[in-house]
Amino acid sequence: MPQKHPSTLVPSWDSSKETTVPRQKMKAPDLEDEEEKGSEPRWSEAALEFAYNRQELQKFIDRDPVLQILRPRQIGTPKGPVAAPTASEGSSART
């Protein structure tokens, strides 16, 4: 069997047969669109107030020595208004 010269053996991944894919030009966003997007508030006033109050509560829980021992955890957000329990006539605790 005749041997071929090593230079004539070409691997299948030869780079001489590269195919070029045309690049698509990207369009820069208009400045007017960015100004409109930037002017929208990301947070509502109520959401900011809620986040601030929750953060302050967490700071208080972390700093208070008694609460550090008890280690209470915030379970979630309250579903409705919170009110003190009403005293009934048949309760065992009397004042």
PDB file of N, CA and C in Angstrom:
ATOM      1  N   MET A   1       0.851  -1.171   0.000  1.00  0.00           N
ATOM      2  CA  MET A   1       0.000   0.000   0.000  1.00  0.00           C
ATOM      3  C   MET A   1       0.896   1.233   0.000  1.00  0.00           C
ATOM      4  N   PRO A   2       0.655   2.163  -0.878  1.00  0.00           N
ATOM      5  CA  PRO A   2       1.506   3.347  -0.935  1.00  0.00           C
ATOM      6  C   PRO A   2       1.203   4.288   0.226  1.00  0.00           C
ATOM      7  N   GLN A   3       2.230   4.809   0.824  1.00  0.00           N
ATOM      8  CA  GLN A   3       2.043   5.760   1.922  1.00  0.00           C
ATOM      9  C   GLN A   3       1.886   7.163   1.362  1.00  0.00           C
ATOM     10  N   LYS A   4       1.003   7.911   2.001  1.00  0.00           N
ATOM     11  CA  LYS A   4       0.798   9.297   1.589  1.00  0.00           C
ATOM     12  C   LYS A   4       1.737  10.194   2.377  1.00  0.00           C
ATOM     13  N   HIS A   5       2.072  11.259   1.776  1.00  0.00           N
ATOM     14  CA  HIS A   5       2.935  12.238   2.438  1.00  0.00           C
ATOM     15  C   HIS A   5       2.146  12.885   3.579  1.00  0.00           C
ATOM     16  N   PRO A   6       2.755  13.128   4.763  1.00  0.00           N
ATOM     17  CA  PRO A   6       2.011  13.688   5.896  1.00  0.00           C
ATOM     18  C   PRO A   6       1.354  15.026   5.601  1.00  0.00           C
ATOM     19  N   SER A   7       1.877  15.794   4.687  1.00  0.00           N
ATOM     20  CA  SER A   7       1.276  17.098   4.402  1.00  0.00           C
ATOM     21  C   SER A   7      -0.038  16.960   3.639  1.00  0.00           C
ATOM     22  N   THR A   8      -0.276  15.822   2.979  1.00  0.00           N
ATOM     23  CA  THR A   8      -1.517  15.636   2.243  1.00  0.00           C
ATOM     24  C   THR A   8      -2.642  15.134   3.134  1.00  0.00           C
ATOM     25  N   LEU A   9      -2.310  14.651   4.328  1.00  0.00           N
ATOM     26  CA  LEU A   9      -3.347  14.223   5.263  1.00  0.00           C
ATOM     27  C   LEU A   9      -3.903  15.452   5.974  1.00  0.00           C
ATOM     28  N   VAL A  10      -5.184  15.693   5.807  1.00  0.00           N
ATOM     29  CA  VAL A  10      -5.815  16.881   6.392  1.00  0.00           C
ATOM     30  C   VAL A  10      -6.891  16.419   7.365  1.00  0.00           C
ATOM     31  N   PRO A  11      -6.847  16.886   8.600  1.00  0.00           N
ATOM     32  CA  PRO A  11      -7.884  16.489   9.550  1.00  0.00           C
ATOM     33  C   PRO A  11      -9.241  17.064   9.154  1.00  0.00           C
ATOM     34  N   SER A  12     -10.294  16.464   9.687  1.00  0.00           N
ATOM     35  CA  SER A  12     -11.648  16.889   9.332  1.00  0.00           C
ATOM     36  C   SER A  12     -11.985  18.274   9.881  1.00  0.00           C
ATOM     37  N   TRP A  13     -11.282  18.718  10.889  1.00  0.00           N
ATOM     38  CA  TRP A  13     -11.555  20.028  11.480  1.00  0.00           C
ATOM     39  C   TRP A  13     -10.652  21.098  10.900  1.00  0.00           C
ATOM     40  N   ASP A  14     -10.197  20.906   9.698  1.00  0.00           N
ATOM     41  CA  ASP A  14      -9.265  21.840   9.058  1.00  0.00           C
ATOM     42  C   ASP A  14      -9.869  23.241   9.024  1.00  0.00           C
ATOM     43  N   SER A  15      -9.071  24.227   9.379  1.00  0.00           N
ATOM     44  CA  SER A  15      -9.553  25.602   9.465  1.00  0.00           C
ATOM     45  C   SER A  15      -9.594  26.302   8.117  1.00  0.00           C
ATOM     46  N   SER A  16      -9.113  25.670   7.062  1.00  0.00           N
ATOM     47  CA  SER A  16      -9.130  26.317   5.746  1.00  0.00           C
ATOM     48  C   SER A  16     -10.535  26.362   5.158  1.00  0.00           C
ATOM     49  N   LYS A  17     -11.442  25.575   5.692  1.00  0.00           N
ATOM     50  CA  LYS A  17     -12.806  25.529   5.175  1.00  0.00           C
ATOM     51  C   LYS A  17     -13.782  26.232   6.117  1.00  0.00           C
ATOM     52  N   GLU A  18     -13.340  27.291   6.755  1.00  0.00           N
ATOM     53  CA  GLU A  18     -14.206  27.996   7.704  1.00  0.00           C
ATOM     54  C   GLU A  18     -15.335  28.693   6.963  1.00  0.00           C
ATOM     55  N   THR A  19     -16.478  28.677   7.570  1.00  0.00           N
ATOM     56  CA  THR A  19     -17.603  29.417   7.026  1.00  0.00           C
ATOM     57  C   THR A  19     -17.808  30.645   7.906  1.00  0.00           C
ATOM     58  N   THR A  20     -18.023  31.753   7.278  1.00  0.00           N
ATOM     59  CA  THR A  20     -18.220  32.983   8.041  1.00  0.00           C
ATOM     60  C   THR A  20     -19.702  33.284   8.119  1.00  0.00           C
ATOM     61  N   VAL A  21     -20.126  33.650   9.290  1.00  0.00           N
ATOM     62  CA  VAL A  21     -21.513  34.014   9.522  1.00  0.00           C
ATOM     63  C   VAL A  21     -21.575  35.535   9.545  1.00  0.00           C
ATOM     64  N   PRO A  22     -22.436  36.130   8.734  1.00  0.00           N
ATOM     65  CA  PRO A  22     -22.504  37.593   8.737  1.00  0.00           C
ATOM     66  C   PRO A  22     -23.016  38.102  10.089  1.00  0.00           C
ATOM     67  N   ARG A  23     -22.378  39.134  10.586  1.00  0.00           N
ATOM     68  CA  ARG A  23     -22.773  39.702  11.873  1.00  0.00           C
ATOM     69  C   ARG A  23     -23.881  40.716  11.675  1.00  0.00           C
ATOM     70  N   GLN A  24     -24.820  40.688  12.590  1.00  0.00           N
ATOM     71  CA  GLN A  24     -25.906  41.649  12.524  1.00  0.00           C
ATOM     72  C   GLN A  24     -25.501  42.893  13.293  1.00  0.00           C
ATOM     73  N   LYS A  25     -25.815  44.033  12.749  1.00  0.00           N
ATOM     74  CA  LYS A  25     -25.487  45.273  13.426  1.00  0.00           C
ATOM     75  C   LYS A  25     -26.523  45.523  14.516  1.00  0.00           C
ATOM     76  N   MET A  26     -26.023  45.864  15.696  1.00  0.00           N
ATOM     77  CA  MET A  26     -26.904  46.150  16.820  1.00  0.00           C
ATOM     78  C   MET A  26     -27.262  47.627  16.803  1.00  0.00           C
ATOM     79  N   LYS A  27     -28.494  47.918  17.117  1.00  0.00           N
ATOM     80  CA  LYS A  27     -28.948  49.294  17.133  1.00  0.00           C
ATOM     81  C   LYS A  27     -28.888  49.813  18.566  1.00  0.00           C
ATOM     82  N   ALA A  28     -28.297  50.958  18.751  1.00  0.00           N
ATOM     83  CA  ALA A  28     -28.205  51.559  20.082  1.00  0.00           C
ATOM     84  C   ALA A  28     -29.579  52.057  20.501  1.00  0.00           C
ATOM     85  N   PRO A  29     -29.919  51.948  21.794  1.00  0.00           N
ATOM     86  CA  PRO A  29     -31.218  52.442  22.245  1.00  0.00           C
ATOM     87  C   PRO A  29     -31.275  53.964  22.152  1.00  0.00           C
ATOM     88  N   ASP A  30     -32.447  54.463  21.878  1.00  0.00           N
ATOM     89  CA  ASP A  30     -32.622  55.910  21.784  1.00  0.00           C
ATOM     90  C   ASP A  30     -32.517  56.532  23.168  1.00  0.00           C
ATOM     91  N   LEU A  31     -31.977  57.729  23.223  1.00  0.00           N
ATOM     92  CA  LEU A  31     -31.840  58.418  24.503  1.00  0.00           C
ATOM     93  C   LEU A  31     -33.198  58.795  25.072  1.00  0.00           C
ATOM     94  N   GLU A  32     -34.154  59.080  24.212  1.00  0.00           N
ATOM     95  CA  GLU A  32     -35.480  59.461  24.686  1.00  0.00           C
ATOM     96  C   GLU A  32     -36.137  58.312  25.444  1.00  0.00           C
ATOM     97  N   ASP A  33     -35.944  57.080  24.972  1.00  0.00           N
ATOM     98  CA  ASP A  33     -36.524  55.927  25.651  1.00  0.00           C
ATOM     99  C   ASP A  33     -35.923  55.753  27.034  1.00  0.00           C
ATOM    100  N   GLU A  34     -34.617  55.965  27.170  1.00  0.00           N
ATOM    101  CA  GLU A  34     -33.958  55.805  28.468  1.00  0.00           C
ATOM    102  C   GLU A  34     -34.435  56.849  29.460  1.00  0.00           C
ATOM    103  N   GLU A  35     -34.652  58.078  28.986  1.00  0.00           N
ATOM    104  CA  GLU A  35     -35.113  59.130  29.887  1.00  0.00           C
ATOM    105  C   GLU A  35     -36.498  58.803  30.429  1.00  0.00           C
ATOM    106  N   GLU A  36     -37.355  58.264  29.586  1.00  0.00           N
ATOM    107  CA  GLU A  36     -38.699  57.911  30.031  1.00  0.00           C
ATOM    108  C   GLU A  36     -38.656  56.770  31.033  1.00  0.00           C
ATOM    109  N   LYS A  37     -37.798  55.777  30.800  1.00  0.00           N
ATOM    110  CA  LYS A  37     -37.695  54.647  31.716  1.00  0.00           C
ATOM    111  C   LYS A  37     -37.106  55.073  33.049  1.00  0.00           C
ATOM    112  N   GLY A  38     -36.135  55.978  33.029  1.00  0.00           N
ATOM    113  CA  GLY A  38     -35.476  56.418  34.247  1.00  0.00           C
ATOM    114  C   GLY A  38     -36.352  57.290  35.120  1.00  0.00           C
ATOM    115  N   SER A  39     -37.368  57.924  34.539  1.00  0.00           N
ATOM    116  CA  SER A  39     -38.210  58.823  35.314  1.00  0.00           C
ATOM    117  C   SER A  39     -39.286  58.082  36.102  1.00  0.00           C
ATOM    118  N   GLU A  40     -39.531  56.822  35.781  1.00  0.00           N
ATOM    119  CA  GLU A  40     -40.544  56.056  36.501  1.00  0.00           C
ATOM    120  C   GLU A  40     -40.023  55.663  37.878  1.00  0.00           C
ATOM    121  N   PRO A  41     -40.804  55.870  38.927  1.00  0.00           N
ATOM    122  CA  PRO A  41     -40.353  55.402  40.245  1.00  0.00           C
ATOM    123  C   PRO A  41     -40.443  53.882  40.307  1.00  0.00           C
ATOM    124  N   ARG A  42     -39.413  53.260  40.838  1.00  0.00           N
ATOM    125  CA  ARG A  42     -39.402  51.803  40.923  1.00  0.00           C
ATOM    126  C   ARG A  42     -40.188  51.316  42.125  1.00  0.00           C
ATOM    127  N   TRP A  43     -40.216  52.101  43.194  1.00  0.00           N
ATOM    128  CA  TRP A  43     -40.886  51.705  44.420  1.00  0.00           C
ATOM    129  C   TRP A  43     -42.041  52.660  44.677  1.00  0.00           C
ATOM    130  N   SER A  44     -43.134  52.123  45.148  1.00  0.00           N
ATOM    131  CA  SER A  44     -44.224  52.991  45.564  1.00  0.00           C
ATOM    132  C   SER A  44     -43.902  53.522  46.954  1.00  0.00           C
ATOM    133  N   GLU A  45     -44.565  54.573  47.335  1.00  0.00           N
ATOM    134  CA  GLU A  45     -44.317  55.190  48.646  1.00  0.00           C
ATOM    135  C   GLU A  45     -44.644  54.210  49.772  1.00  0.00           C
ATOM    136  N   ALA A  46     -45.726  53.459  49.627  1.00  0.00           N
ATOM    137  CA  ALA A  46     -46.120  52.496  50.664  1.00  0.00           C
ATOM    138  C   ALA A  46     -45.111  51.351  50.761  1.00  0.00           C
ATOM    139  N   ALA A  47     -44.599  50.887  49.626  1.00  0.00           N
ATOM    140  CA  ALA A  47     -43.624  49.794  49.643  1.00  0.00           C
ATOM    141  C   ALA A  47     -42.314  50.237  50.280  1.00  0.00           C
ATOM    142  N   LEU A  48     -41.893  51.477  50.018  1.00  0.00           N
ATOM    143  CA  LEU A  48     -40.683  52.004  50.647  1.00  0.00           C
ATOM    144  C   LEU A  48     -40.857  52.115  52.154  1.00  0.00           C
ATOM    145  N   GLU A  49     -42.004  52.617  52.583  1.00  0.00           N
ATOM    146  CA  GLU A  49     -42.264  52.763  54.017  1.00  0.00           C
ATOM    147  C   GLU A  49     -42.290  51.395  54.698  1.00  0.00           C
ATOM    148  N   PHE A  50     -42.916  50.417  54.067  1.00  0.00           N
ATOM    149  CA  PHE A  50     -42.987  49.075  54.634  1.00  0.00           C
ATOM    150  C   PHE A  50     -41.596  48.463  54.753  1.00  0.00           C
ATOM    151  N   ALA A  51     -40.785  48.603  53.709  1.00  0.00           N
ATOM    152  CA  ALA A  51     -39.430  48.043  53.729  1.00  0.00           C
ATOM    153  C   ALA A  51     -38.579  48.714  54.800  1.00  0.00           C
ATOM    154  N   TYR A  52     -38.725  50.032  54.946  1.00  0.00           N
ATOM    155  CA  TYR A  52     -37.961  50.755  55.967  1.00  0.00           C
ATOM    156  C   TYR A  52     -38.377  50.306  57.365  1.00  0.00           C
ATOM    157  N   ASN A  53     -39.680  50.221  57.612  1.00  0.00           N
ATOM    158  CA  ASN A  53     -40.156  49.812  58.940  1.00  0.00           C
ATOM    159  C   ASN A  53     -39.728  48.387  59.270  1.00  0.00           C
ATOM    160  N   ARG A  54     -39.767  47.517  58.308  1.00  0.00           N
ATOM    161  CA  ARG A  54     -39.348  46.129  58.544  1.00  0.00           C
ATOM    162  C   ARG A  54     -37.849  46.056  58.838  1.00  0.00           C
ATOM    163  N   GLN A  55     -37.077  46.873  58.155  1.00  0.00           N
ATOM    164  CA  GLN A  55     -35.634  46.912  58.388  1.00  0.00           C
ATOM    165  C   GLN A  55     -35.338  47.467  59.783  1.00  0.00           C
ATOM    166  N   GLU A  56     -36.045  48.506  60.191  1.00  0.00           N
ATOM    167  CA  GLU A  56     -35.848  49.072  61.528  1.00  0.00           C
ATOM    168  C   GLU A  56     -36.257  48.073  62.607  1.00  0.00           C
ATOM    169  N   LEU A  57     -37.330  47.332  62.385  1.00  0.00           N
ATOM    170  CA  LEU A  57     -37.747  46.314  63.345  1.00  0.00           C
ATOM    171  C   LEU A  57     -36.676  45.237  63.474  1.00  0.00           C
ATOM    172  N   GLN A  58     -36.105  44.825  62.359  1.00  0.00           N
ATOM    173  CA  GLN A  58     -35.060  43.804  62.402  1.00  0.00           C
ATOM    174  C   GLN A  58     -33.826  44.314  63.139  1.00  0.00           C
ATOM    175  N   LYS A  59     -33.470  45.575  62.940  1.00  0.00           N
ATOM    176  CA  LYS A  59     -32.335  46.161  63.667  1.00  0.00           C
ATOM    177  C   LYS A  59     -32.616  46.169  65.166  1.00  0.00           C
ATOM    178  N   PHE A  60     -33.846  46.532  65.554  1.00  0.00           N
ATOM    179  CA  PHE A  60     -34.219  46.565  66.964  1.00  0.00           C
ATOM    180  C   PHE A  60     -34.139  45.168  67.574  1.00  0.00           C
ATOM    181  N   ILE A  61     -34.643  44.178  66.861  1.00  0.00           N
ATOM    182  CA  ILE A  61     -34.607  42.797  67.362  1.00  0.00           C
ATOM    183  C   ILE A  61     -33.163  42.327  67.517  1.00  0.00           C
ATOM    184  N   ASP A  62     -32.301  42.712  66.593  1.00  0.00           N
ATOM    185  CA  ASP A  62     -30.900  42.290  66.650  1.00  0.00           C
ATOM    186  C   ASP A  62     -30.138  42.958  67.786  1.00  0.00           C
ATOM    187  N   ARG A  63     -30.511  44.188  68.176  1.00  0.00           N
ATOM    188  CA  ARG A  63     -29.755  44.942  69.179  1.00  0.00           C
ATOM    189  C   ARG A  63     -30.268  44.761  70.600  1.00  0.00           C
ATOM    190  N   ASP A  64     -31.532  44.457  70.785  1.00  0.00           N
ATOM    191  CA  ASP A  64     -32.111  44.353  72.123  1.00  0.00           C
ATOM    192  C   ASP A  64     -31.584  43.101  72.820  1.00  0.00           C
ATOM    193  N   PRO A  65     -31.029  43.229  74.059  1.00  0.00           N
ATOM    194  CA  PRO A  65     -30.437  42.057  74.727  1.00  0.00           C
ATOM    195  C   PRO A  65     -31.457  40.968  75.063  1.00  0.00           C
ATOM    196  N   VAL A  66     -32.658  41.355  75.465  1.00  0.00           N
ATOM    197  CA  VAL A  66     -33.680  40.353  75.792  1.00  0.00           C
ATOM    198  C   VAL A  66     -34.104  39.606  74.529  1.00  0.00           C
ATOM    199  N   LEU A  67     -34.300  40.347  73.460  1.00  0.00           N
ATOM    200  CA  LEU A  67     -34.717  39.709  72.214  1.00  0.00           C
ATOM    201  C   LEU A  67     -33.590  38.884  71.597  1.00  0.00           C
ATOM    202  N   GLN A  68     -32.341  39.200  71.936  1.00  0.00           N
ATOM    203  CA  GLN A  68     -31.236  38.362  71.471  1.00  0.00           C
ATOM    204  C   GLN A  68     -31.304  36.989  72.124  1.00  0.00           C
ATOM    205  N   ILE A  69     -31.755  36.949  73.383  1.00  0.00           N
ATOM    206  CA  ILE A  69     -31.894  35.668  74.080  1.00  0.00           C
ATOM    207  C   ILE A  69     -33.095  34.901  73.530  1.00  0.00           C
ATOM    208  N   LEU A  70     -34.214  35.606  73.349  1.00  0.00           N
ATOM    209  CA  LEU A  70     -35.437  34.952  72.865  1.00  0.00           C
ATOM    210  C   LEU A  70     -35.341  34.573  71.384  1.00  0.00           C
ATOM    211  N   ARG A  71     -34.608  35.330  70.621  1.00  0.00           N
ATOM    212  CA  ARG A  71     -34.421  35.120  69.181  1.00  0.00           C
ATOM    213  C   ARG A  71     -35.739  34.965  68.415  1.00  0.00           C
ATOM    214  N   PRO A  72     -36.588  35.969  68.459  1.00  0.00           N
ATOM    215  CA  PRO A  72     -37.828  35.874  67.671  1.00  0.00           C
ATOM    216  C   PRO A  72     -37.514  35.987  66.182  1.00  0.00           C
ATOM    217  N   ARG A  73     -38.354  35.393  65.379  1.00  0.00           N
ATOM    218  CA  ARG A  73     -38.167  35.442  63.930  1.00  0.00           C
ATOM    219  C   ARG A  73     -39.393  36.075  63.289  1.00  0.00           C
ATOM    220  N   GLN A  74     -39.138  36.817  62.247  1.00  0.00           N
ATOM    221  CA  GLN A  74     -40.240  37.385  61.482  1.00  0.00           C
ATOM    222  C   GLN A  74     -40.740  36.306  60.532  1.00  0.00           C
ATOM    223  N   ILE A  75     -41.983  35.943  60.684  1.00  0.00           N
ATOM    224  CA  ILE A  75     -42.542  34.853  59.889  1.00  0.00           C
ATOM    225  C   ILE A  75     -42.949  35.343  58.507  1.00  0.00           C
ATOM    226  N   GLY A  76     -43.625  36.437  58.453  1.00  0.00           N
ATOM    227  CA  GLY A  76     -44.090  36.954  57.174  1.00  0.00           C
ATOM    228  C   GLY A  76     -44.762  38.279  57.385  1.00  0.00           C
ATOM    229  N   THR A  77     -45.431  38.725  56.375  1.00  0.00           N
ATOM    230  CA  THR A  77     -46.126  39.997  56.471  1.00  0.00           C
ATOM    231  C   THR A  77     -47.516  39.766  57.030  1.00  0.00           C
ATOM    232  N   PRO A  78     -48.017  40.696  57.844  1.00  0.00           N
ATOM    233  CA  PRO A  78     -49.379  40.548  58.351  1.00  0.00           C
ATOM    234  C   PRO A  78     -50.388  40.636  57.201  1.00  0.00           C
ATOM    235  N   LYS A  79     -51.426  39.840  57.278  1.00  0.00           N
ATOM    236  CA  LYS A  79     -52.421  39.787  56.208  1.00  0.00           C
ATOM    237  C   LYS A  79     -53.468  40.890  56.322  1.00  0.00           C
ATOM    238  N   GLY A  80     -53.641  41.438  57.489  1.00  0.00           N
ATOM    239  CA  GLY A  80     -54.641  42.474  57.675  1.00  0.00           C
ATOM    240  C   GLY A  80     -54.279  43.353  58.850  1.00  0.00           C
ATOM    241  N   PRO A  81     -55.192  44.234  59.250  1.00  0.00           N
ATOM    242  CA  PRO A  81     -54.895  45.098  60.384  1.00  0.00           C
ATOM    243  C   PRO A  81     -54.781  44.289  61.675  1.00  0.00           C
ATOM    244  N   VAL A  82     -53.868  44.699  62.524  1.00  0.00           N
ATOM    245  CA  VAL A  82     -53.640  44.005  63.784  1.00  0.00           C
ATOM    246  C   VAL A  82     -54.304  44.805  64.893  1.00  0.00           C
ATOM    247  N   ALA A  83     -55.087  44.127  65.724  1.00  0.00           N
ATOM    248  CA  ALA A  83     -55.783  44.789  66.828  1.00  0.00           C
ATOM    249  C   ALA A  83     -55.568  43.975  68.093  1.00  0.00           C
ATOM    250  N   ALA A  84     -55.669  44.647  69.227  1.00  0.00           N
ATOM    251  CA  ALA A  84     -55.540  43.963  70.512  1.00  0.00           C
ATOM    252  C   ALA A  84     -56.734  43.035  70.704  1.00  0.00           C
ATOM    253  N   PRO A  85     -56.546  41.901  71.379  1.00  0.00           N
ATOM    254  CA  PRO A  85     -57.672  40.997  71.598  1.00  0.00           C
ATOM    255  C   PRO A  85     -58.702  41.643  72.524  1.00  0.00           C
ATOM    256  N   THR A  86     -59.950  41.334  72.275  1.00  0.00           N
ATOM    257  CA  THR A  86     -61.023  41.888  73.105  1.00  0.00           C
ATOM    258  C   THR A  86     -61.187  41.035  74.353  1.00  0.00           C
ATOM    259  N   ALA A  87     -61.483  41.686  75.455  1.00  0.00           N
ATOM    260  CA  ALA A  87     -61.685  40.976  76.717  1.00  0.00           C
ATOM    261  C   ALA A  87     -63.122  40.473  76.770  1.00  0.00           C
ATOM    262  N   SER A  88     -63.283  39.193  77.054  1.00  0.00           N
ATOM    263  CA  SER A  88     -64.627  38.633  77.158  1.00  0.00           C
ATOM    264  C   SER A  88     -64.965  38.426  78.630  1.00  0.00           C
ATOM    265  N   GLU A  89     -66.234  38.259  78.937  1.00  0.00           N
ATOM    266  CA  GLU A  89     -66.674  38.108  80.328  1.00  0.00           C
ATOM    267  C   GLU A  89     -66.237  36.779  80.921  1.00  0.00           C
ATOM    268  N   GLY A  90     -66.098  35.758  80.137  1.00  0.00           N
ATOM    269  CA  GLY A  90     -65.779  34.430  80.634  1.00  0.00           C
ATOM    270  C   GLY A  90     -64.290  34.139  80.670  1.00  0.00           C
ATOM    271  N   SER A  91     -63.467  35.136  80.522  1.00  0.00           N
ATOM    272  CA  SER A  91     -62.033  34.856  80.498  1.00  0.00           C
ATOM    273  C   SER A  91     -61.516  34.599  81.903  1.00  0.00           C
ATOM    274  N   SER A  92     -60.483  33.807  82.017  1.00  0.00           N
ATOM    275  CA  SER A  92     -59.937  33.459  83.324  1.00  0.00           C
ATOM    276  C   SER A  92     -59.055  34.569  83.876  1.00  0.00           C
ATOM    277  N   ALA A  93     -58.536  35.442  83.043  1.00  0.00           N
ATOM    278  CA  ALA A  93     -57.692  36.539  83.520  1.00  0.00           C
ATOM    279  C   ALA A  93     -58.577  37.741  83.803  1.00  0.00           C
ATOM    280  N   ARG A  94     -58.609  38.152  85.063  1.00  0.00           N
ATOM    281  CA  ARG A  94     -59.437  39.305  85.444  1.00  0.00           C
ATOM    282  C   ARG A  94     -58.541  40.436  85.908  1.00  0.00           C
ATOM    283  N   THR A  95     -58.957  41.619  85.589  1.00  0.00           N
ATOM    284  CA  THR A  95     -58.177  42.782  86.004  1.00  0.00           C
ATOM    285  C   THR A  95     -58.851  43.555  87.089  1.00  0.00           C
TER     286      THR A  95
END
